[in-house]
Amino acid sequence: MSDVNEVVSQQPPAVDEMFKDEGEQQNGGRVLQEPPKVGPMTNGQWEKFCKGELLNFMIHYSLQKITADDGSGRKCTVAINNKGEYKVNVTLTEIM
């Protein structure tokens, strides 16, 4: 099992990048792009998701802390500290 702790000091990509003009679901006048139908995420993809889309979601909705679990041994916690920095903690479980 490995832990990755990182403080993210730069702003992630804008939340609006997640919204596209094409798709089937409508949300508040915007059309959401359908997620691709793919298999499970790799560890690198999971870490990228936690530092990108999950962090954007937390910032967009002004949350203090958010935890995600993919059900396959990968967990992620994103929290804002008292200095206003975002701390991303990614835990990966490897079966050997």
PDB file of N, CA and C in Angstrom:
ATOM      1  N   MET A   1       0.857  -1.165   0.000  1.00  0.00           N
ATOM      2  CA  MET A   1       0.000   0.000   0.000  1.00  0.00           C
ATOM      3  C   MET A   1       0.904   1.229   0.000  1.00  0.00           C
ATOM      4  N   SER A   2       0.566   2.195  -0.803  1.00  0.00           N
ATOM      5  CA  SER A   2       1.357   3.417  -0.866  1.00  0.00           C
ATOM      6  C   SER A   2       0.453   4.619  -0.660  1.00  0.00           C
ATOM      7  N   ASP A   3       1.001   5.632  -0.023  1.00  0.00           N
ATOM      8  CA  ASP A   3       0.271   6.876   0.216  1.00  0.00           C
ATOM      9  C   ASP A   3       0.957   7.991  -0.541  1.00  0.00           C
ATOM     10  N   VAL A   4       0.172   8.858  -1.142  1.00  0.00           N
ATOM     11  CA  VAL A   4       0.694  10.023  -1.833  1.00  0.00           C
ATOM     12  C   VAL A   4       0.033  11.228  -1.188  1.00  0.00           C
ATOM     13  N   ASN A   5       0.801  12.061  -0.538  1.00  0.00           N
ATOM     14  CA  ASN A   5       0.290  13.288   0.063  1.00  0.00           C
ATOM     15  C   ASN A   5       0.894  14.455  -0.693  1.00  0.00           C
ATOM     16  N   GLU A   6       0.052  15.376  -1.080  1.00  0.00           N
ATOM     17  CA  GLU A   6       0.552  16.518  -1.837  1.00  0.00           C
ATOM     18  C   GLU A   6      -0.334  17.719  -1.555  1.00  0.00           C
ATOM     19  N   VAL A   7       0.290  18.858  -1.383  1.00  0.00           N
ATOM     20  CA  VAL A   7      -0.449  20.101  -1.234  1.00  0.00           C
ATOM     21  C   VAL A   7      -0.490  20.770  -2.598  1.00  0.00           C
ATOM     22  N   VAL A   8      -1.692  21.031  -3.083  1.00  0.00           N
ATOM     23  CA  VAL A   8      -1.876  21.636  -4.399  1.00  0.00           C
ATOM     24  C   VAL A   8      -2.044  23.128  -4.202  1.00  0.00           C
ATOM     25  N   SER A   9      -1.090  23.916  -4.687  1.00  0.00           N
ATOM     26  CA  SER A   9      -1.152  25.358  -4.484  1.00  0.00           C
ATOM     27  C   SER A   9      -1.659  26.101  -5.713  1.00  0.00           C
ATOM     28  N   GLN A  10      -1.663  25.454  -6.866  1.00  0.00           N
ATOM     29  CA  GLN A  10      -2.159  26.119  -8.061  1.00  0.00           C
ATOM     30  C   GLN A  10      -3.595  25.704  -8.329  1.00  0.00           C
ATOM     31  N   GLN A  11      -4.321  26.544  -9.023  1.00  0.00           N
ATOM     32  CA  GLN A  11      -5.715  26.261  -9.342  1.00  0.00           C
ATOM     33  C   GLN A  11      -5.793  25.164 -10.391  1.00  0.00           C
ATOM     34  N   PRO A  12      -6.687  24.184 -10.221  1.00  0.00           N
ATOM     35  CA  PRO A  12      -6.888  23.166 -11.250  1.00  0.00           C
ATOM     36  C   PRO A  12      -7.637  23.761 -12.434  1.00  0.00           C
ATOM     37  N   PRO A  13      -7.809  23.001 -13.529  1.00  0.00           N
ATOM     38  CA  PRO A  13      -8.563  23.513 -14.673  1.00  0.00           C
ATOM     39  C   PRO A  13      -9.970  23.940 -14.258  1.00  0.00           C
ATOM     40  N   ALA A  14     -10.532  24.885 -14.975  1.00  0.00           N
ATOM     41  CA  ALA A  14     -11.841  25.438 -14.640  1.00  0.00           C
ATOM     42  C   ALA A  14     -12.932  24.378 -14.683  1.00  0.00           C
ATOM     43  N   VAL A  15     -13.900  24.532 -13.803  1.00  0.00           N
ATOM     44  CA  VAL A  15     -15.026  23.604 -13.729  1.00  0.00           C
ATOM     45  C   VAL A  15     -15.800  23.609 -15.035  1.00  0.00           C
ATOM     46  N   ASP A  16     -15.851  24.745 -15.712  1.00  0.00           N
ATOM     47  CA  ASP A  16     -16.601  24.835 -16.966  1.00  0.00           C
ATOM     48  C   ASP A  16     -16.057  23.904 -18.038  1.00  0.00           C
ATOM     49  N   GLU A  17     -14.800  23.464 -17.915  1.00  0.00           N
ATOM     50  CA  GLU A  17     -14.240  22.540 -18.895  1.00  0.00           C
ATOM     51  C   GLU A  17     -14.934  21.191 -18.852  1.00  0.00           C
ATOM     52  N   MET A  18     -15.592  20.873 -17.718  1.00  0.00           N
ATOM     53  CA  MET A  18     -16.296  19.605 -17.612  1.00  0.00           C
ATOM     54  C   MET A  18     -17.614  19.637 -18.376  1.00  0.00           C
ATOM     55  N   PHE A  19     -18.108  20.826 -18.712  1.00  0.00           N
ATOM     56  CA  PHE A  19     -19.375  20.957 -19.414  1.00  0.00           C
ATOM     57  C   PHE A  19     -19.113  21.149 -20.897  1.00  0.00           C
ATOM     58  N   LYS A  20     -19.819  20.394 -21.699  1.00  0.00           N
ATOM     59  CA  LYS A  20     -19.654  20.465 -23.143  1.00  0.00           C
ATOM     60  C   LYS A  20     -21.004  20.751 -23.792  1.00  0.00           C
ATOM     61  N   ASP A  21     -20.993  21.076 -25.080  1.00  0.00           N
ATOM     62  CA  ASP A  21     -22.219  21.373 -25.811  1.00  0.00           C
ATOM     63  C   ASP A  21     -22.974  20.125 -26.237  1.00  0.00           C
ATOM     64  N   GLU A  22     -22.317  18.971 -26.234  1.00  0.00           N
ATOM     65  CA  GLU A  22     -22.958  17.745 -26.686  1.00  0.00           C
ATOM     66  C   GLU A  22     -23.158  16.803 -25.513  1.00  0.00           C
ATOM     67  N   GLY A  23     -24.183  15.946 -25.612  1.00  0.00           N
ATOM     68  CA  GLY A  23     -24.469  14.970 -24.572  1.00  0.00           C
ATOM     69  C   GLY A  23     -25.953  14.757 -24.471  1.00  0.00           C
ATOM     70  N   GLU A  24     -26.343  13.938 -23.511  1.00  0.00           N
ATOM     71  CA  GLU A  24     -27.754  13.621 -23.384  1.00  0.00           C
ATOM     72  C   GLU A  24     -28.373  14.175 -22.108  1.00  0.00           C
ATOM     73  N   GLN A  25     -27.582  14.412 -21.069  1.00  0.00           N
ATOM     74  CA  GLN A  25     -28.137  14.866 -19.809  1.00  0.00           C
ATOM     75  C   GLN A  25     -28.115  16.389 -19.746  1.00  0.00           C
ATOM     76  N   GLN A  26     -29.198  16.981 -19.247  1.00  0.00           N
ATOM     77  CA  GLN A  26     -29.265  18.435 -19.079  1.00  0.00           C
ATOM     78  C   GLN A  26     -29.140  18.750 -17.594  1.00  0.00           C
ATOM     79  N   ASN A  27     -28.392  19.800 -17.272  1.00  0.00           N
ATOM     80  CA  ASN A  27     -28.196  20.188 -15.882  1.00  0.00           C
ATOM     81  C   ASN A  27     -28.118  21.706 -15.821  1.00  0.00           C
ATOM     82  N   GLY A  28     -29.182  22.353 -15.354  1.00  0.00           N
ATOM     83  CA  GLY A  28     -29.166  23.801 -15.191  1.00  0.00           C
ATOM     84  C   GLY A  28     -28.952  24.544 -16.496  1.00  0.00           C
ATOM     85  N   GLY A  29     -29.506  24.070 -17.598  1.00  0.00           N
ATOM     86  CA  GLY A  29     -29.335  24.735 -18.873  1.00  0.00           C
ATOM     87  C   GLY A  29     -28.069  24.344 -19.610  1.00  0.00           C
ATOM     88  N   ARG A  30     -27.206  23.579 -18.965  1.00  0.00           N
ATOM     89  CA  ARG A  30     -25.984  23.113 -19.598  1.00  0.00           C
ATOM     90  C   ARG A  30     -26.143  21.641 -19.946  1.00  0.00           C
ATOM     91  N   VAL A  31     -25.439  21.207 -20.926  1.00  0.00           N
ATOM     92  CA  VAL A  31     -25.482  19.815 -21.340  1.00  0.00           C
ATOM     93  C   VAL A  31     -24.184  19.161 -20.915  1.00  0.00           C
ATOM     94  N   LEU A  32     -24.285  18.084 -20.132  1.00  0.00           N
ATOM     95  CA  LEU A  32     -23.098  17.384 -19.669  1.00  0.00           C
ATOM     96  C   LEU A  32     -22.646  16.378 -20.708  1.00  0.00           C
ATOM     97  N   GLN A  33     -21.350  16.264 -20.869  1.00  0.00           N
ATOM     98  CA  GLN A  33     -20.799  15.277 -21.781  1.00  0.00           C
ATOM     99  C   GLN A  33     -20.891  13.910 -21.113  1.00  0.00           C
ATOM    100  N   GLU A  34     -21.305  12.912 -21.859  1.00  0.00           N
ATOM    101  CA  GLU A  34     -21.389  11.556 -21.339  1.00  0.00           C
ATOM    102  C   GLU A  34     -19.985  11.041 -21.049  1.00  0.00           C
ATOM    103  N   PRO A  35     -19.771  10.389 -19.892  1.00  0.00           N
ATOM    104  CA  PRO A  35     -18.447   9.844 -19.621  1.00  0.00           C
ATOM    105  C   PRO A  35     -18.154   8.680 -20.564  1.00  0.00           C
ATOM    106  N   PRO A  36     -16.898   8.490 -20.921  1.00  0.00           N
ATOM    107  CA  PRO A  36     -16.565   7.383 -21.812  1.00  0.00           C
ATOM    108  C   PRO A  36     -16.799   6.047 -21.119  1.00  0.00           C
ATOM    109  N   LYS A  37     -17.205   5.062 -21.863  1.00  0.00           N
ATOM    110  CA  LYS A  37     -17.423   3.718 -21.338  1.00  0.00           C
ATOM    111  C   LYS A  37     -16.097   2.975 -21.414  1.00  0.00           C
ATOM    112  N   VAL A  38     -15.380   2.931 -20.302  1.00  0.00           N
ATOM    113  CA  VAL A  38     -14.078   2.273 -20.253  1.00  0.00           C
ATOM    114  C   VAL A  38     -14.007   1.393 -19.015  1.00  0.00           C
ATOM    115  N   GLY A  39     -12.941   0.619 -18.914  1.00  0.00           N
ATOM    116  CA  GLY A  39     -12.729  -0.251 -17.766  1.00  0.00           C
ATOM    117  C   GLY A  39     -12.260   0.528 -16.551  1.00  0.00           C
ATOM    118  N   PRO A  40     -11.786  -0.185 -15.554  1.00  0.00           N
ATOM    119  CA  PRO A  40     -11.324   0.473 -14.330  1.00  0.00           C
ATOM    120  C   PRO A  40     -10.143   1.403 -14.581  1.00  0.00           C
ATOM    121  N   MET A  41     -10.008   2.401 -13.730  1.00  0.00           N
ATOM    122  CA  MET A  41      -8.911   3.366 -13.856  1.00  0.00           C
ATOM    123  C   MET A  41      -7.595   2.734 -13.419  1.00  0.00           C
ATOM    124  N   THR A  42      -6.515   3.210 -14.025  1.00  0.00           N
ATOM    125  CA  THR A  42      -5.186   2.840 -13.549  1.00  0.00           C
ATOM    126  C   THR A  42      -4.873   3.723 -12.343  1.00  0.00           C
ATOM    127  N   ASN A  43      -3.797   3.397 -11.633  1.00  0.00           N
ATOM    128  CA  ASN A  43      -3.410   4.220 -10.485  1.00  0.00           C
ATOM    129  C   ASN A  43      -3.121   5.652 -10.909  1.00  0.00           C
ATOM    130  N   GLY A  44      -2.479   5.833 -12.056  1.00  0.00           N
ATOM    131  CA  GLY A  44      -2.184   7.178 -12.561  1.00  0.00           C
ATOM    132  C   GLY A  44      -3.442   7.949 -12.910  1.00  0.00           C
ATOM    133  N   GLN A  45      -4.411   7.258 -13.525  1.00  0.00           N
ATOM    134  CA  GLN A  45      -5.680   7.907 -13.856  1.00  0.00           C
ATOM    135  C   GLN A  45      -6.442   8.292 -12.587  1.00  0.00           C
ATOM    136  N   TRP A  46      -6.385   7.440 -11.565  1.00  0.00           N
ATOM    137  CA  TRP A  46      -7.067   7.728 -10.302  1.00  0.00           C
ATOM    138  C   TRP A  46      -6.454   8.972  -9.651  1.00  0.00           C
ATOM    139  N   GLU A  47      -5.133   9.041  -9.626  1.00  0.00           N
ATOM    140  CA  GLU A  47      -4.461  10.199  -9.039  1.00  0.00           C
ATOM    141  C   GLU A  47      -4.797  11.474  -9.821  1.00  0.00           C
ATOM    142  N   LYS A  48      -4.823  11.376 -11.149  1.00  0.00           N
ATOM    143  CA  LYS A  48      -5.182  12.524 -11.989  1.00  0.00           C
ATOM    144  C   LYS A  48      -6.628  12.960 -11.728  1.00  0.00           C
ATOM    145  N   PHE A  49      -7.545  12.004 -11.575  1.00  0.00           N
ATOM    146  CA  PHE A  49      -8.941  12.307 -11.263  1.00  0.00           C
ATOM    147  C   PHE A  49      -9.042  13.053  -9.930  1.00  0.00           C
ATOM    148  N   CYS A  50      -8.323  12.581  -8.918  1.00  0.00           N
ATOM    149  CA  CYS A  50      -8.386  13.199  -7.588  1.00  0.00           C
ATOM    150  C   CYS A  50      -7.860  14.629  -7.605  1.00  0.00           C
ATOM    151  N   LYS A  51      -6.779  14.864  -8.354  1.00  0.00           N
ATOM    152  CA  LYS A  51      -6.171  16.186  -8.403  1.00  0.00           C
ATOM    153  C   LYS A  51      -6.827  17.103  -9.426  1.00  0.00           C
ATOM    154  N   GLY A  52      -7.719  16.571 -10.232  1.00  0.00           N
ATOM    155  CA  GLY A  52      -8.379  17.364 -11.267  1.00  0.00           C
ATOM    156  C   GLY A  52      -9.869  17.509 -11.020  1.00  0.00           C
ATOM    157  N   GLU A  53     -10.642  16.538 -11.504  1.00  0.00           N
ATOM    158  CA  GLU A  53     -12.095  16.631 -11.458  1.00  0.00           C
ATOM    159  C   GLU A  53     -12.648  16.677 -10.036  1.00  0.00           C
ATOM    160  N   LEU A  54     -12.104  15.852  -9.139  1.00  0.00           N
ATOM    161  CA  LEU A  54     -12.597  15.839  -7.764  1.00  0.00           C
ATOM    162  C   LEU A  54     -12.290  17.165  -7.059  1.00  0.00           C
ATOM    163  N   LEU A  55     -11.090  17.675  -7.263  1.00  0.00           N
ATOM    164  CA  LEU A  55     -10.704  18.963  -6.692  1.00  0.00           C
ATOM    165  C   LEU A  55     -11.566  20.088  -7.258  1.00  0.00           C
ATOM    166  N   ASN A  56     -11.830  20.066  -8.577  1.00  0.00           N
ATOM    167  CA  ASN A  56     -12.713  21.060  -9.193  1.00  0.00           C
ATOM    168  C   ASN A  56     -14.109  21.025  -8.577  1.00  0.00           C
ATOM    169  N   PHE A  57     -14.633  19.824  -8.377  1.00  0.00           N
ATOM    170  CA  PHE A  57     -15.961  19.664  -7.788  1.00  0.00           C
ATOM    171  C   PHE A  57     -15.999  20.283  -6.390  1.00  0.00           C
ATOM    172  N   MET A  58     -14.975  20.007  -5.599  1.00  0.00           N
ATOM    173  CA  MET A  58     -14.899  20.540  -4.237  1.00  0.00           C
ATOM    174  C   MET A  58     -14.854  22.063  -4.230  1.00  0.00           C
ATOM    175  N   ILE A  59     -14.048  22.636  -5.120  1.00  0.00           N
ATOM    176  CA  ILE A  59     -13.932  24.091  -5.204  1.00  0.00           C
ATOM    177  C   ILE A  59     -15.236  24.707  -5.690  1.00  0.00           C
ATOM    178  N   HIS A  60     -15.833  24.108  -6.726  1.00  0.00           N
ATOM    179  CA  HIS A  60     -17.065  24.645  -7.314  1.00  0.00           C
ATOM    180  C   HIS A  60     -18.198  24.717  -6.293  1.00  0.00           C
ATOM    181  N   TYR A  61     -18.303  23.703  -5.438  1.00  0.00           N
ATOM    182  CA  TYR A  61     -19.393  23.661  -4.459  1.00  0.00           C
ATOM    183  C   TYR A  61     -18.970  24.137  -3.070  1.00  0.00           C
ATOM    184  N   SER A  62     -17.802  24.762  -2.965  1.00  0.00           N
ATOM    185  CA  SER A  62     -17.293  25.347  -1.711  1.00  0.00           C
ATOM    186  C   SER A  62     -17.315  24.350  -0.554  1.00  0.00           C
ATOM    187  N   LEU A  63     -16.819  23.148  -0.803  1.00  0.00           N
ATOM    188  CA  LEU A  63     -16.756  22.120   0.230  1.00  0.00           C
ATOM    189  C   LEU A  63     -15.437  22.226   0.984  1.00  0.00           C
ATOM    190  N   GLN A  64     -15.409  21.764   2.215  1.00  0.00           N
ATOM    191  CA  GLN A  64     -14.200  21.797   3.027  1.00  0.00           C
ATOM    192  C   GLN A  64     -13.383  20.524   2.893  1.00  0.00           C
ATOM    193  N   LYS A  65     -14.079  19.385   2.676  1.00  0.00           N
ATOM    194  CA  LYS A  65     -13.395  18.105   2.583  1.00  0.00           C
ATOM    195  C   LYS A  65     -14.265  17.150   1.770  1.00  0.00           C
ATOM    196  N   ILE A  66     -13.622  16.315   0.965  1.00  0.00           N
ATOM    197  CA  ILE A  66     -14.351  15.324   0.183  1.00  0.00           C
ATOM    198  C   ILE A  66     -13.499  14.055   0.120  1.00  0.00           C
ATOM    199  N   THR A  67     -14.161  12.901   0.244  1.00  0.00           N
ATOM    200  CA  THR A  67     -13.485  11.613   0.197  1.00  0.00           C
ATOM    201  C   THR A  67     -14.107  10.770  -0.904  1.00  0.00           C
ATOM    202  N   ALA A  68     -13.260  10.077  -1.673  1.00  0.00           N
ATOM    203  CA  ALA A  68     -13.738   9.206  -2.750  1.00  0.00           C
ATOM    204  C   ALA A  68     -13.100   7.825  -2.595  1.00  0.00           C
ATOM    205  N   ASP A  69     -13.869   6.798  -2.946  1.00  0.00           N
ATOM    206  CA  ASP A  69     -13.408   5.414  -2.888  1.00  0.00           C
ATOM    207  C   ASP A  69     -13.918   4.718  -4.144  1.00  0.00           C
ATOM    208  N   ASP A  70     -13.020   4.088  -4.912  1.00  0.00           N
ATOM    209  CA  ASP A  70     -13.457   3.456  -6.160  1.00  0.00           C
ATOM    210  C   ASP A  70     -13.905   2.016  -5.980  1.00  0.00           C
ATOM    211  N   GLY A  71     -13.827   1.473  -4.777  1.00  0.00           N
ATOM    212  CA  GLY A  71     -14.254   0.108  -4.528  1.00  0.00           C
ATOM    213  C   GLY A  71     -13.229  -0.936  -4.917  1.00  0.00           C
ATOM    214  N   SER A  72     -12.092  -0.518  -5.433  1.00  0.00           N
ATOM    215  CA  SER A  72     -11.025  -1.433  -5.850  1.00  0.00           C
ATOM    216  C   SER A  72      -9.733  -1.187  -5.083  1.00  0.00           C
ATOM    217  N   GLY A  73      -9.844  -0.594  -3.915  1.00  0.00           N
ATOM    218  CA  GLY A  73      -8.662  -0.351  -3.097  1.00  0.00           C
ATOM    219  C   GLY A  73      -8.042   1.018  -3.240  1.00  0.00           C
ATOM    220  N   ARG A  74      -8.622   1.865  -4.078  1.00  0.00           N
ATOM    221  CA  ARG A  74      -8.104   3.226  -4.243  1.00  0.00           C
ATOM    222  C   ARG A  74      -8.999   4.199  -3.495  1.00  0.00           C
ATOM    223  N   LYS A  75      -8.369   5.049  -2.694  1.00  0.00           N
ATOM    224  CA  LYS A  75      -9.118   6.057  -1.942  1.00  0.00           C
ATOM    225  C   LYS A  75      -8.429   7.398  -2.101  1.00  0.00           C
ATOM    226  N   CYS A  76      -9.207   8.457  -1.930  1.00  0.00           N
ATOM    227  CA  CYS A  76      -8.680   9.802  -2.083  1.00  0.00           C
ATOM    228  C   CYS A  76      -9.428  10.737  -1.145  1.00  0.00           C
ATOM    229  N   THR A  77      -8.691  11.600  -0.480  1.00  0.00           N
ATOM    230  CA  THR A  77      -9.276  12.640   0.352  1.00  0.00           C
ATOM    231  C   THR A  77      -8.690  13.976  -0.089  1.00  0.00           C
ATOM    232  N   VAL A  78      -9.567  14.943  -0.324  1.00  0.00           N
ATOM    233  CA  VAL A  78      -9.148  16.293  -0.685  1.00  0.00           C
ATOM    234  C   VAL A  78      -9.719  17.219   0.379  1.00  0.00           C
ATOM    235  N   ALA A  79      -8.867  18.045   0.975  1.00  0.00           N
ATOM    236  CA  ALA A  79      -9.309  18.952   2.032  1.00  0.00           C
ATOM    237  C   ALA A  79      -8.573  20.274   1.899  1.00  0.00           C
ATOM    238  N   ILE A  80      -9.203  21.317   2.410  1.00  0.00           N
ATOM    239  CA  ILE A  80      -8.573  22.631   2.424  1.00  0.00           C
ATOM    240  C   ILE A  80      -8.039  22.868   3.836  1.00  0.00           C
ATOM    241  N   ASN A  81      -6.777  23.323   3.950  1.00  0.00           N
ATOM    242  CA  ASN A  81      -6.213  23.560   5.281  1.00  0.00           C
ATOM    243  C   ASN A  81      -6.455  25.013   5.710  1.00  0.00           C
ATOM    244  N   ASN A  82      -5.966  25.356   6.906  1.00  0.00           N
ATOM    245  CA  ASN A  82      -6.217  26.694   7.453  1.00  0.00           C
ATOM    246  C   ASN A  82      -5.469  27.799   6.703  1.00  0.00           C
ATOM    247  N   LYS A  83      -4.507  27.428   5.844  1.00  0.00           N
ATOM    248  CA  LYS A  83      -3.787  28.401   5.024  1.00  0.00           C
ATOM    249  C   LYS A  83      -4.460  28.620   3.671  1.00  0.00           C
ATOM    250  N   GLY A  84      -5.541  27.882   3.403  1.00  0.00           N
ATOM    251  CA  GLY A  84      -6.236  28.001   2.134  1.00  0.00           C
ATOM    252  C   GLY A  84      -5.655  27.131   1.038  1.00  0.00           C
ATOM    253  N   GLU A  85      -4.753  26.219   1.390  1.00  0.00           N
ATOM    254  CA  GLU A  85      -4.154  25.305   0.423  1.00  0.00           C
ATOM    255  C   GLU A  85      -4.977  24.016   0.382  1.00  0.00           C
ATOM    256  N   TYR A  86      -4.998  23.397  -0.783  1.00  0.00           N
ATOM    257  CA  TYR A  86      -5.732  22.148  -0.950  1.00  0.00           C
ATOM    258  C   TYR A  86      -4.771  20.981  -0.776  1.00  0.00           C
ATOM    259  N   LYS A  87      -5.093  20.074   0.137  1.00  0.00           N
ATOM    260  CA  LYS A  87      -4.260  18.904   0.393  1.00  0.00           C
ATOM    261  C   LYS A  87      -4.956  17.698  -0.230  1.00  0.00           C
ATOM    262  N   VAL A  88      -4.222  16.981  -1.082  1.00  0.00           N
ATOM    263  CA  VAL A  88      -4.736  15.789  -1.752  1.00  0.00           C
ATOM    264  C   VAL A  88      -4.000  14.583  -1.198  1.00  0.00           C
ATOM    265  N   ASN A  89      -4.734  13.617  -0.630  1.00  0.00           N
ATOM    266  CA  ASN A  89      -4.161  12.405  -0.092  1.00  0.00           C
ATOM    267  C   ASN A  89      -4.728  11.237  -0.893  1.00  0.00           C
ATOM    268  N   VAL A  90      -3.862  10.543  -1.634  1.00  0.00           N
ATOM    269  CA  VAL A  90      -4.264   9.415  -2.462  1.00  0.00           C
ATOM    270  C   VAL A  90      -3.683   8.149  -1.862  1.00  0.00           C
ATOM    271  N   THR A  91      -4.529   7.133  -1.623  1.00  0.00           N
ATOM    272  CA  THR A  91      -4.089   5.853  -1.094  1.00  0.00           C
ATOM    273  C   THR A  91      -4.371   4.781  -2.138  1.00  0.00           C
ATOM    274  N   LEU A  92      -3.340   4.011  -2.477  1.00  0.00           N
ATOM    275  CA  LEU A  92      -3.463   2.956  -3.472  1.00  0.00           C
ATOM    276  C   LEU A  92      -3.115   1.628  -2.827  1.00  0.00           C
ATOM    277  N   THR A  93      -3.911   0.601  -3.047  1.00  0.00           N
ATOM    278  CA  THR A  93      -3.634  -0.734  -2.557  1.00  0.00           C
ATOM    279  C   THR A  93      -3.218  -1.597  -3.722  1.00  0.00           C
ATOM    280  N   GLU A  94      -2.072  -2.232  -3.587  1.00  0.00           N
ATOM    281  CA  GLU A  94      -1.557  -3.102  -4.642  1.00  0.00           C
ATOM    282  C   GLU A  94      -1.587  -4.550  -4.174  1.00  0.00           C
ATOM    283  N   ILE A  95      -2.143  -5.416  -5.001  1.00  0.00           N
ATOM    284  CA  ILE A  95      -2.183  -6.850  -4.683  1.00  0.00           C
ATOM    285  C   ILE A  95      -0.970  -7.495  -5.334  1.00  0.00           C
ATOM    286  N   MET A  96      -0.201  -8.207  -4.528  1.00  0.00           N
ATOM    287  CA  MET A  96       1.032  -8.827  -5.032  1.00  0.00           C
ATOM    288  C   MET A  96       0.936 -10.331  -4.991  1.00  0.00           C
TER     289      MET A  96
END
